[in-house]
Amino acid sequence: MKLALFPLSAHLLPGGIMPLRIFEPRYQRMIAEAGDAGFGLCMWDSRQGDELRNMYPIATRVRIIDFDMLPDGLLGITVQGGERLRIQRLWQEPDGLRVGEVEQLPLWQCGRLPRDQRNLAQALREVFSDYPEYAALYREPDWDDACWVAQRWIEVLPIPPEQKQWLMACEDYHPALSLLSNLLVASH
């Protein structure tokens, strides 16, 4: 499948919500053409010198769930993550918009957060409490869903992007929960 790509300095995973400010003409065109297919949100790879290829290979297809004109006259959109993607091939269109041939990765099969890992949900609640603007994006947080909790943690955790990419490429959320449990134990 072919999708326009929007590189950022952050990751967004399935179910994640993120507000964006759109001002460059190439991204305005991307938004205008997104339709039901959405576009791919990917993360910059600062190690890569080639401007065309300076993106990590695991991305997330996002769909626009809200938009408005911001006080500064720019377009504000809110996107929600859908499916994980792997960028197979990449090219740049004449206006600078990057487009990729992408492969959809299977969604993680979700389940209830195990009792011995409920502290991960509680710690995430504290993050939400410390950042009310972030918390406001999620009207109905699913604190009992292991997949949802793991994905929100991957988005906010200050770990190297290569580690986030590895976690995003995993077949399920178990490696993320294991890492999070170890990090939480180490921080206490």
N, C-alpha and C. Protein backbone atom coordinates (compact mmCIF):
# COMPACT_ATOMS: atom_id res chain seq x y z
N MET A 1 0.85 -1.16 0.00
CA MET A 1 0.00 0.00 0.00
C MET A 1 0.90 1.23 0.00
N LYS A 2 0.47 2.28 -0.66
CA LYS A 2 1.24 3.52 -0.76
C LYS A 2 0.62 4.56 0.18
N LEU A 3 1.49 5.21 1.00
CA LEU A 3 1.02 6.24 1.94
C LEU A 3 2.00 7.39 2.00
N ALA A 4 1.47 8.60 2.15
CA ALA A 4 2.31 9.75 2.45
C ALA A 4 2.86 9.58 3.85
N LEU A 5 4.07 10.09 4.09
CA LEU A 5 4.74 9.92 5.38
C LEU A 5 5.02 11.26 6.03
N PHE A 6 4.76 11.33 7.31
CA PHE A 6 4.96 12.55 8.09
C PHE A 6 5.97 12.24 9.19
N PRO A 7 7.22 12.68 9.03
CA PRO A 7 8.23 12.39 10.05
C PRO A 7 8.17 13.37 11.21
N LEU A 8 8.33 12.83 12.42
CA LEU A 8 8.32 13.63 13.64
C LEU A 8 9.47 13.20 14.55
N SER A 9 9.61 13.88 15.65
CA SER A 9 10.61 13.48 16.64
C SER A 9 9.95 12.66 17.75
N ALA A 10 8.80 12.06 17.47
CA ALA A 10 8.07 11.27 18.47
C ALA A 10 7.43 10.07 17.78
N HIS A 11 7.15 9.06 18.57
CA HIS A 11 6.42 7.89 18.08
C HIS A 11 4.96 7.98 18.50
N LEU A 12 4.09 7.42 17.69
CA LEU A 12 2.68 7.25 18.05
C LEU A 12 2.33 5.82 17.67
N LEU A 13 1.65 5.13 18.55
CA LEU A 13 1.29 3.74 18.31
C LEU A 13 -0.22 3.61 18.13
N PRO A 14 -0.68 2.42 17.74
CA PRO A 14 -2.13 2.23 17.60
C PRO A 14 -2.88 2.65 18.87
N GLY A 15 -3.96 3.38 18.66
CA GLY A 15 -4.76 3.87 19.78
C GLY A 15 -4.26 5.19 20.35
N GLY A 16 -3.05 5.59 19.99
CA GLY A 16 -2.50 6.85 20.49
C GLY A 16 -3.13 8.05 19.80
N ILE A 17 -3.15 9.16 20.50
CA ILE A 17 -3.75 10.39 19.97
C ILE A 17 -2.72 11.50 20.08
N MET A 18 -2.63 12.31 19.02
CA MET A 18 -1.63 13.38 19.00
C MET A 18 -2.15 14.58 18.22
N PRO A 19 -2.02 15.78 18.80
CA PRO A 19 -2.34 16.99 18.04
C PRO A 19 -1.12 17.40 17.21
N LEU A 20 -1.36 17.91 16.00
CA LEU A 20 -0.28 18.35 15.12
C LEU A 20 -0.62 19.73 14.55
N ARG A 21 0.42 20.52 14.30
CA ARG A 21 0.27 21.81 13.62
C ARG A 21 0.82 21.64 12.22
N ILE A 22 0.02 21.97 11.23
CA ILE A 22 0.41 21.77 9.83
C ILE A 22 0.63 23.12 9.18
N PHE A 23 1.85 23.36 8.67
CA PHE A 23 2.11 24.65 8.05
C PHE A 23 2.84 24.55 6.72
N GLU A 24 3.61 23.50 6.49
CA GLU A 24 4.33 23.38 5.22
C GLU A 24 3.36 22.96 4.12
N PRO A 25 3.49 23.57 2.93
CA PRO A 25 2.59 23.23 1.81
C PRO A 25 2.53 21.74 1.49
N ARG A 26 3.67 21.04 1.58
CA ARG A 26 3.65 19.60 1.26
C ARG A 26 2.78 18.82 2.24
N TYR A 27 2.77 19.24 3.51
CA TYR A 27 1.95 18.54 4.49
C TYR A 27 0.50 19.01 4.45
N GLN A 28 0.27 20.22 4.01
CA GLN A 28 -1.11 20.66 3.78
C GLN A 28 -1.73 19.82 2.67
N ARG A 29 -0.95 19.55 1.62
CA ARG A 29 -1.43 18.69 0.54
C ARG A 29 -1.67 17.27 1.07
N MET A 30 -0.76 16.78 1.90
CA MET A 30 -0.91 15.44 2.47
C MET A 30 -2.24 15.33 3.22
N ILE A 31 -2.56 16.36 4.03
CA ILE A 31 -3.80 16.36 4.80
C ILE A 31 -5.01 16.40 3.86
N ALA A 32 -4.93 17.25 2.84
CA ALA A 32 -6.04 17.37 1.89
C ALA A 32 -6.30 16.05 1.16
N GLU A 33 -5.26 15.28 0.93
CA GLU A 33 -5.39 14.03 0.17
C GLU A 33 -5.53 12.79 1.06
N ALA A 34 -5.44 12.95 2.37
CA ALA A 34 -5.40 11.80 3.27
C ALA A 34 -6.64 10.92 3.18
N GLY A 35 -7.82 11.51 3.16
CA GLY A 35 -9.04 10.73 3.06
C GLY A 35 -9.11 9.62 4.10
N ASP A 36 -9.76 8.52 3.76
CA ASP A 36 -9.91 7.38 4.67
C ASP A 36 -8.61 6.62 4.88
N ALA A 37 -7.69 6.73 3.92
CA ALA A 37 -6.43 5.98 4.02
C ALA A 37 -5.53 6.55 5.10
N GLY A 38 -5.66 7.83 5.41
CA GLY A 38 -4.79 8.46 6.39
C GLY A 38 -3.39 8.67 5.84
N PHE A 39 -2.42 8.68 6.73
CA PHE A 39 -1.02 8.82 6.33
C PHE A 39 -0.15 8.14 7.38
N GLY A 40 1.10 7.96 7.06
CA GLY A 40 2.02 7.28 7.97
C GLY A 40 2.77 8.28 8.83
N LEU A 41 2.73 8.07 10.12
CA LEU A 41 3.48 8.90 11.08
C LEU A 41 4.72 8.10 11.45
N CYS A 42 5.88 8.67 11.19
CA CYS A 42 7.13 7.95 11.46
C CYS A 42 8.09 8.86 12.21
N MET A 43 9.15 8.28 12.70
CA MET A 43 10.10 9.03 13.52
C MET A 43 11.38 9.28 12.77
N TRP A 44 11.91 10.53 12.93
CA TRP A 44 13.19 10.89 12.35
C TRP A 44 14.27 9.95 12.85
N ASP A 45 15.21 9.65 12.00
CA ASP A 45 16.41 8.90 12.39
C ASP A 45 17.59 9.85 12.23
N SER A 46 17.99 10.49 13.32
CA SER A 46 19.04 11.52 13.25
C SER A 46 20.40 10.93 12.90
N ARG A 47 20.55 9.62 12.99
CA ARG A 47 21.82 8.98 12.64
C ARG A 47 22.01 8.91 11.13
N GLN A 48 20.92 9.00 10.40
CA GLN A 48 20.94 8.82 8.95
C GLN A 48 21.15 10.17 8.27
N GLY A 49 22.20 10.30 7.51
CA GLY A 49 22.51 11.57 6.84
C GLY A 49 21.69 11.82 5.59
N ASP A 50 21.24 10.77 4.93
CA ASP A 50 20.48 10.91 3.69
C ASP A 50 19.09 11.45 4.00
N GLU A 51 18.82 12.68 3.58
CA GLU A 51 17.55 13.35 3.95
C GLU A 51 16.32 12.56 3.50
N LEU A 52 16.43 11.86 2.39
CA LEU A 52 15.28 11.09 1.92
C LEU A 52 15.02 9.89 2.84
N ARG A 53 16.05 9.32 3.39
CA ARG A 53 15.92 8.08 4.15
C ARG A 53 16.06 8.24 5.66
N ASN A 54 15.98 9.45 6.17
CA ASN A 54 16.23 9.66 7.60
C ASN A 54 14.99 9.40 8.46
N MET A 55 14.37 8.26 8.22
CA MET A 55 13.21 7.85 9.00
C MET A 55 13.41 6.40 9.44
N TYR A 56 12.95 6.10 10.66
CA TYR A 56 12.98 4.72 11.12
C TYR A 56 11.94 3.93 10.33
N PRO A 57 12.14 2.61 10.16
CA PRO A 57 11.26 1.83 9.29
C PRO A 57 9.89 1.48 9.86
N ILE A 58 9.72 1.50 11.19
CA ILE A 58 8.42 1.15 11.75
C ILE A 58 7.64 2.45 11.99
N ALA A 59 6.45 2.51 11.43
CA ALA A 59 5.61 3.70 11.50
C ALA A 59 4.21 3.28 11.93
N THR A 60 3.33 4.25 12.04
CA THR A 60 1.93 3.98 12.37
C THR A 60 1.03 4.73 11.40
N ARG A 61 0.06 4.02 10.86
CA ARG A 61 -0.92 4.72 10.03
C ARG A 61 -1.85 5.48 10.95
N VAL A 62 -2.07 6.76 10.64
CA VAL A 62 -2.95 7.58 11.46
C VAL A 62 -4.10 8.11 10.61
N ARG A 63 -5.18 8.41 11.30
CA ARG A 63 -6.34 9.03 10.66
C ARG A 63 -6.66 10.31 11.41
N ILE A 64 -7.14 11.28 10.67
CA ILE A 64 -7.49 12.57 11.27
C ILE A 64 -8.84 12.41 11.97
N ILE A 65 -8.88 12.74 13.27
CA ILE A 65 -10.13 12.62 14.02
C ILE A 65 -10.71 13.99 14.38
N ASP A 66 -9.92 15.06 14.19
CA ASP A 66 -10.41 16.41 14.46
C ASP A 66 -9.48 17.41 13.79
N PHE A 67 -10.01 18.57 13.47
CA PHE A 67 -9.17 19.63 12.91
C PHE A 67 -9.81 20.97 13.21
N ASP A 68 -8.99 22.01 13.24
CA ASP A 68 -9.49 23.37 13.38
C ASP A 68 -8.39 24.36 13.00
N MET A 69 -8.78 25.61 12.85
CA MET A 69 -7.83 26.66 12.55
C MET A 69 -7.32 27.19 13.89
N LEU A 70 -6.02 27.21 14.06
CA LEU A 70 -5.41 27.65 15.31
C LEU A 70 -5.35 29.18 15.37
N PRO A 71 -5.21 29.75 16.57
CA PRO A 71 -5.15 31.21 16.71
C PRO A 71 -4.06 31.87 15.86
N ASP A 72 -2.98 31.13 15.59
CA ASP A 72 -1.89 31.70 14.77
C ASP A 72 -2.14 31.53 13.27
N GLY A 73 -3.34 31.03 12.90
CA GLY A 73 -3.70 30.89 11.50
C GLY A 73 -3.27 29.57 10.87
N LEU A 74 -2.59 28.72 11.62
CA LEU A 74 -2.17 27.42 11.10
C LEU A 74 -3.28 26.40 11.27
N LEU A 75 -3.19 25.34 10.49
CA LEU A 75 -4.14 24.24 10.60
C LEU A 75 -3.73 23.34 11.74
N GLY A 76 -4.64 23.07 12.65
CA GLY A 76 -4.41 22.12 13.73
C GLY A 76 -5.21 20.87 13.46
N ILE A 77 -4.57 19.73 13.54
CA ILE A 77 -5.30 18.47 13.38
C ILE A 77 -5.00 17.58 14.59
N THR A 78 -5.88 16.66 14.85
CA THR A 78 -5.65 15.64 15.85
C THR A 78 -5.75 14.31 15.12
N VAL A 79 -4.73 13.47 15.33
CA VAL A 79 -4.70 12.17 14.67
C VAL A 79 -4.75 11.06 15.70
N GLN A 80 -5.24 9.90 15.25
CA GLN A 80 -5.26 8.72 16.11
C GLN A 80 -4.58 7.59 15.37
N GLY A 81 -3.71 6.87 16.10
CA GLY A 81 -2.97 5.76 15.51
C GLY A 81 -3.88 4.58 15.20
N GLY A 82 -3.65 3.99 14.04
CA GLY A 82 -4.39 2.81 13.61
C GLY A 82 -3.50 1.58 13.62
N GLU A 83 -2.87 1.29 12.50
CA GLU A 83 -2.07 0.08 12.37
C GLU A 83 -0.58 0.41 12.36
N ARG A 84 0.21 -0.55 12.83
CA ARG A 84 1.67 -0.44 12.70
C ARG A 84 2.03 -0.76 11.26
N LEU A 85 3.06 -0.08 10.77
CA LEU A 85 3.50 -0.25 9.39
C LEU A 85 5.00 -0.46 9.34
N ARG A 86 5.46 -1.13 8.30
CA ARG A 86 6.89 -1.21 8.01
C ARG A 86 7.08 -0.54 6.64
N ILE A 87 7.95 0.46 6.60
CA ILE A 87 8.23 1.17 5.35
C ILE A 87 9.15 0.28 4.51
N GLN A 88 8.68 -0.10 3.32
CA GLN A 88 9.43 -0.98 2.43
C GLN A 88 10.29 -0.21 1.43
N ARG A 89 9.68 0.79 0.82
CA ARG A 89 10.32 1.59 -0.22
C ARG A 89 9.92 3.03 0.00
N LEU A 90 10.79 3.94 -0.37
CA LEU A 90 10.57 5.35 -0.04
C LEU A 90 10.98 6.22 -1.22
N TRP A 91 10.19 7.25 -1.49
CA TRP A 91 10.56 8.23 -2.51
C TRP A 91 10.02 9.59 -2.11
N GLN A 92 10.49 10.60 -2.83
CA GLN A 92 10.09 11.97 -2.53
C GLN A 92 9.44 12.57 -3.77
N GLU A 93 8.30 13.22 -3.58
CA GLU A 93 7.60 13.85 -4.69
C GLU A 93 8.18 15.24 -4.92
N PRO A 94 7.86 15.87 -6.07
CA PRO A 94 8.49 17.15 -6.41
C PRO A 94 8.34 18.24 -5.34
N ASP A 95 7.25 18.24 -4.57
CA ASP A 95 7.08 19.28 -3.54
C ASP A 95 7.77 18.92 -2.22
N GLY A 96 8.47 17.77 -2.20
CA GLY A 96 9.20 17.37 -1.00
C GLY A 96 8.47 16.38 -0.10
N LEU A 97 7.21 16.09 -0.41
CA LEU A 97 6.46 15.13 0.38
C LEU A 97 7.05 13.73 0.18
N ARG A 98 7.34 13.07 1.28
CA ARG A 98 7.84 11.71 1.20
C ARG A 98 6.68 10.73 1.19
N VAL A 99 6.81 9.74 0.35
CA VAL A 99 5.79 8.72 0.18
C VAL A 99 6.48 7.37 0.28
N GLY A 100 5.78 6.42 0.85
CA GLY A 100 6.38 5.10 0.98
C GLY A 100 5.44 3.99 0.59
N GLU A 101 6.05 2.93 0.13
CA GLU A 101 5.32 1.67 -0.05
C GLU A 101 5.44 1.00 1.32
N VAL A 102 4.30 0.72 1.95
CA VAL A 102 4.32 0.21 3.32
C VAL A 102 3.61 -1.13 3.41
N GLU A 103 4.06 -1.91 4.38
CA GLU A 103 3.44 -3.20 4.69
C GLU A 103 2.77 -3.05 6.05
N GLN A 104 1.52 -3.46 6.14
CA GLN A 104 0.80 -3.39 7.41
C GLN A 104 1.23 -4.56 8.28
N LEU A 105 1.59 -4.26 9.53
CA LEU A 105 1.96 -5.31 10.49
C LEU A 105 0.72 -5.71 11.29
N PRO A 106 0.65 -6.96 11.73
CA PRO A 106 -0.53 -7.39 12.50
C PRO A 106 -0.67 -6.59 13.80
N LEU A 107 -1.92 -6.31 14.15
CA LEU A 107 -2.18 -5.65 15.42
C LEU A 107 -1.82 -6.60 16.56
N TRP A 108 -1.40 -6.03 17.67
CA TRP A 108 -1.14 -6.85 18.85
C TRP A 108 -2.47 -7.39 19.37
N GLN A 109 -2.49 -8.66 19.75
CA GLN A 109 -3.67 -9.23 20.37
C GLN A 109 -3.69 -8.78 21.83
N CYS A 110 -4.68 -8.02 22.18
CA CYS A 110 -4.71 -7.40 23.50
C CYS A 110 -5.37 -8.30 24.54
N GLY A 111 -5.05 -8.02 25.76
CA GLY A 111 -5.63 -8.76 26.88
C GLY A 111 -5.59 -7.91 28.13
N ARG A 112 -6.15 -8.43 29.18
CA ARG A 112 -6.16 -7.71 30.45
C ARG A 112 -4.75 -7.62 31.03
N LEU A 113 -4.47 -6.50 31.65
CA LEU A 113 -3.19 -6.29 32.30
C LEU A 113 -3.08 -7.27 33.46
N PRO A 114 -2.03 -8.09 33.51
CA PRO A 114 -1.88 -9.05 34.61
C PRO A 114 -1.84 -8.33 35.96
N ARG A 115 -2.37 -8.97 36.96
CA ARG A 115 -2.45 -8.39 38.31
C ARG A 115 -1.08 -7.92 38.80
N ASP A 116 -0.03 -8.70 38.53
CA ASP A 116 1.30 -8.33 39.02
C ASP A 116 1.93 -7.17 38.24
N GLN A 117 1.23 -6.68 37.21
CA GLN A 117 1.73 -5.54 36.45
C GLN A 117 0.79 -4.34 36.49
N ARG A 118 -0.17 -4.38 37.39
CA ARG A 118 -1.11 -3.26 37.51
C ARG A 118 -0.40 -1.97 37.95
N ASN A 119 0.77 -2.12 38.57
CA ASN A 119 1.53 -0.93 38.97
C ASN A 119 1.93 -0.10 37.74
N LEU A 120 2.02 -0.75 36.57
CA LEU A 120 2.34 -0.02 35.33
C LEU A 120 1.21 0.93 34.97
N ALA A 121 -0.02 0.48 35.14
CA ALA A 121 -1.18 1.35 34.87
C ALA A 121 -1.23 2.48 35.89
N GLN A 122 -0.93 2.17 37.15
CA GLN A 122 -0.95 3.21 38.18
C GLN A 122 0.12 4.26 37.90
N ALA A 123 1.31 3.83 37.50
CA ALA A 123 2.38 4.78 37.18
C ALA A 123 2.00 5.63 35.96
N LEU A 124 1.31 5.03 35.00
CA LEU A 124 0.87 5.79 33.83
C LEU A 124 -0.22 6.79 34.23
N ARG A 125 -1.08 6.42 35.16
CA ARG A 125 -2.08 7.37 35.68
C ARG A 125 -1.38 8.60 36.27
N GLU A 126 -0.25 8.38 36.94
CA GLU A 126 0.50 9.49 37.51
C GLU A 126 1.08 10.39 36.42
N VAL A 127 1.53 9.79 35.33
CA VAL A 127 1.99 10.59 34.18
C VAL A 127 0.84 11.43 33.66
N PHE A 128 -0.33 10.81 33.50
CA PHE A 128 -1.50 11.54 33.03
C PHE A 128 -1.83 12.69 33.99
N SER A 129 -1.72 12.44 35.28
CA SER A 129 -2.00 13.47 36.28
C SER A 129 -1.01 14.63 36.18
N ASP A 130 0.25 14.31 35.90
CA ASP A 130 1.29 15.35 35.78
C ASP A 130 1.18 16.14 34.48
N TYR A 131 0.54 15.57 33.46
CA TYR A 131 0.42 16.23 32.15
C TYR A 131 -1.05 16.24 31.73
N PRO A 132 -1.84 17.15 32.31
CA PRO A 132 -3.29 17.16 32.03
C PRO A 132 -3.64 17.40 30.56
N GLU A 133 -2.79 18.13 29.82
CA GLU A 133 -3.09 18.35 28.38
C GLU A 133 -3.01 17.01 27.63
N TYR A 134 -2.05 16.19 28.02
CA TYR A 134 -1.90 14.87 27.41
C TYR A 134 -3.09 13.99 27.82
N ALA A 135 -3.40 13.99 29.09
CA ALA A 135 -4.50 13.18 29.60
C ALA A 135 -5.82 13.55 28.94
N ALA A 136 -6.01 14.83 28.63
CA ALA A 136 -7.27 15.30 28.04
C ALA A 136 -7.51 14.70 26.65
N LEU A 137 -6.46 14.21 26.00
CA LEU A 137 -6.62 13.59 24.68
C LEU A 137 -7.36 12.27 24.77
N TYR A 138 -7.30 11.64 25.95
CA TYR A 138 -7.87 10.30 26.13
C TYR A 138 -9.11 10.38 27.01
N ARG A 139 -10.27 10.44 26.36
CA ARG A 139 -11.52 10.55 27.12
C ARG A 139 -11.81 9.30 27.93
N GLU A 140 -11.44 8.14 27.39
CA GLU A 140 -11.72 6.87 28.07
C GLU A 140 -10.46 6.00 28.10
N PRO A 141 -9.51 6.34 28.97
CA PRO A 141 -8.30 5.50 29.06
C PRO A 141 -8.67 4.08 29.46
N ASP A 142 -7.98 3.11 28.86
CA ASP A 142 -8.27 1.71 29.13
C ASP A 142 -7.17 1.13 30.03
N TRP A 143 -7.21 1.48 31.31
CA TRP A 143 -6.17 1.10 32.27
C TRP A 143 -6.02 -0.40 32.46
N ASP A 144 -7.05 -1.17 32.12
CA ASP A 144 -7.00 -2.62 32.31
C ASP A 144 -6.45 -3.36 31.09
N ASP A 145 -6.30 -2.66 29.97
CA ASP A 145 -5.86 -3.30 28.73
C ASP A 145 -4.34 -3.25 28.64
N ALA A 146 -3.71 -4.41 28.67
CA ALA A 146 -2.24 -4.49 28.66
C ALA A 146 -1.65 -3.85 27.41
N CYS A 147 -2.30 -4.04 26.29
CA CYS A 147 -1.83 -3.50 25.03
C CYS A 147 -1.87 -1.96 25.07
N TRP A 148 -2.98 -1.41 25.52
CA TRP A 148 -3.15 0.05 25.57
C TRP A 148 -2.12 0.67 26.52
N VAL A 149 -1.94 0.08 27.68
CA VAL A 149 -0.99 0.60 28.66
C VAL A 149 0.44 0.52 28.09
N ALA A 150 0.80 -0.60 27.49
CA ALA A 150 2.15 -0.76 26.92
C ALA A 150 2.39 0.26 25.81
N GLN A 151 1.41 0.47 24.95
CA GLN A 151 1.58 1.41 23.83
C GLN A 151 1.71 2.85 24.31
N ARG A 152 0.93 3.24 25.32
CA ARG A 152 1.06 4.61 25.82
C ARG A 152 2.43 4.80 26.48
N TRP A 153 2.90 3.78 27.19
CA TRP A 153 4.22 3.87 27.81
C TRP A 153 5.31 4.00 26.76
N ILE A 154 5.23 3.21 25.69
CA ILE A 154 6.26 3.29 24.64
C ILE A 154 6.29 4.71 24.07
N GLU A 155 5.13 5.33 23.92
CA GLU A 155 5.08 6.69 23.37
C GLU A 155 5.77 7.71 24.28
N VAL A 156 5.59 7.60 25.59
CA VAL A 156 6.07 8.65 26.50
C VAL A 156 7.40 8.33 27.17
N LEU A 157 7.81 7.09 27.16
CA LEU A 157 9.02 6.70 27.88
C LEU A 157 10.26 7.30 27.21
N PRO A 158 11.14 7.93 28.01
CA PRO A 158 12.35 8.53 27.43
C PRO A 158 13.45 7.48 27.24
N ILE A 159 13.25 6.62 26.26
CA ILE A 159 14.25 5.62 25.91
C ILE A 159 14.70 5.91 24.48
N PRO A 160 15.86 5.39 24.07
CA PRO A 160 16.35 5.66 22.71
C PRO A 160 15.34 5.21 21.64
N PRO A 161 15.27 5.96 20.54
CA PRO A 161 14.33 5.61 19.47
C PRO A 161 14.55 4.21 18.91
N GLU A 162 15.80 3.74 18.91
CA GLU A 162 16.07 2.39 18.41
C GLU A 162 15.37 1.34 19.29
N GLN A 163 15.31 1.60 20.58
CA GLN A 163 14.64 0.68 21.49
C GLN A 163 13.12 0.72 21.27
N LYS A 164 12.60 1.94 21.04
CA LYS A 164 11.16 2.06 20.75
C LYS A 164 10.83 1.33 19.45
N GLN A 165 11.70 1.47 18.45
CA GLN A 165 11.48 0.78 17.18
C GLN A 165 11.46 -0.73 17.39
N TRP A 166 12.39 -1.22 18.20
CA TRP A 166 12.44 -2.66 18.46
C TRP A 166 11.14 -3.12 19.12
N LEU A 167 10.67 -2.37 20.12
CA LEU A 167 9.43 -2.73 20.81
C LEU A 167 8.24 -2.67 19.86
N MET A 168 8.19 -1.63 19.01
CA MET A 168 7.09 -1.50 18.06
C MET A 168 7.07 -2.64 17.04
N ALA A 169 8.23 -3.18 16.71
CA ALA A 169 8.32 -4.25 15.72
C ALA A 169 7.99 -5.63 16.30
N CYS A 170 7.93 -5.74 17.62
CA CYS A 170 7.64 -7.03 18.27
C CYS A 170 6.25 -7.53 17.88
N GLU A 171 6.07 -8.84 17.96
CA GLU A 171 4.79 -9.46 17.60
C GLU A 171 3.69 -9.17 18.60
N ASP A 172 4.07 -8.84 19.85
CA ASP A 172 3.05 -8.55 20.85
C ASP A 172 3.62 -7.57 21.88
N TYR A 173 2.83 -7.27 22.89
CA TYR A 173 3.19 -6.26 23.89
C TYR A 173 4.03 -6.81 25.05
N HIS A 174 4.24 -8.10 25.12
CA HIS A 174 4.93 -8.70 26.26
C HIS A 174 6.35 -8.16 26.48
N PRO A 175 7.18 -8.00 25.42
CA PRO A 175 8.50 -7.41 25.67
C PRO A 175 8.41 -6.00 26.26
N ALA A 176 7.43 -5.22 25.84
CA ALA A 176 7.27 -3.87 26.38
C ALA A 176 6.90 -3.92 27.86
N LEU A 177 5.98 -4.80 28.24
CA LEU A 177 5.60 -4.91 29.64
C LEU A 177 6.77 -5.38 30.50
N SER A 178 7.57 -6.29 29.95
CA SER A 178 8.73 -6.78 30.68
C SER A 178 9.74 -5.65 30.91
N LEU A 179 10.03 -4.89 29.87
CA LEU A 179 10.94 -3.75 29.99
C LEU A 179 10.39 -2.73 30.99
N LEU A 180 9.12 -2.42 30.87
CA LEU A 180 8.50 -1.42 31.76
C LEU A 180 8.56 -1.89 33.21
N SER A 181 8.27 -3.15 33.45
CA SER A 181 8.33 -3.68 34.82
C SER A 181 9.73 -3.54 35.39
N ASN A 182 10.74 -3.88 34.58
CA ASN A 182 12.13 -3.76 35.03
C ASN A 182 12.51 -2.31 35.30
N LEU A 183 12.07 -1.39 34.42
CA LEU A 183 12.39 0.02 34.61
C LEU A 183 11.71 0.58 35.86
N LEU A 184 10.47 0.16 36.10
CA LEU A 184 9.74 0.64 37.26
C LEU A 184 10.36 0.15 38.54
N VAL A 185 10.78 -1.11 38.57
CA VAL A 185 11.45 -1.67 39.74
C VAL A 185 12.76 -0.93 39.99
N ALA A 186 13.52 -0.67 38.90
CA ALA A 186 14.82 0.00 39.03
C ALA A 186 14.68 1.43 39.53
N SER A 187 13.56 2.08 39.22
CA SER A 187 13.38 3.49 39.62
C SER A 187 12.93 3.63 41.06
N HIS A 188 12.56 2.52 41.70
CA HIS A 188 12.09 2.59 43.11
C HIS A 188 13.09 2.06 44.07
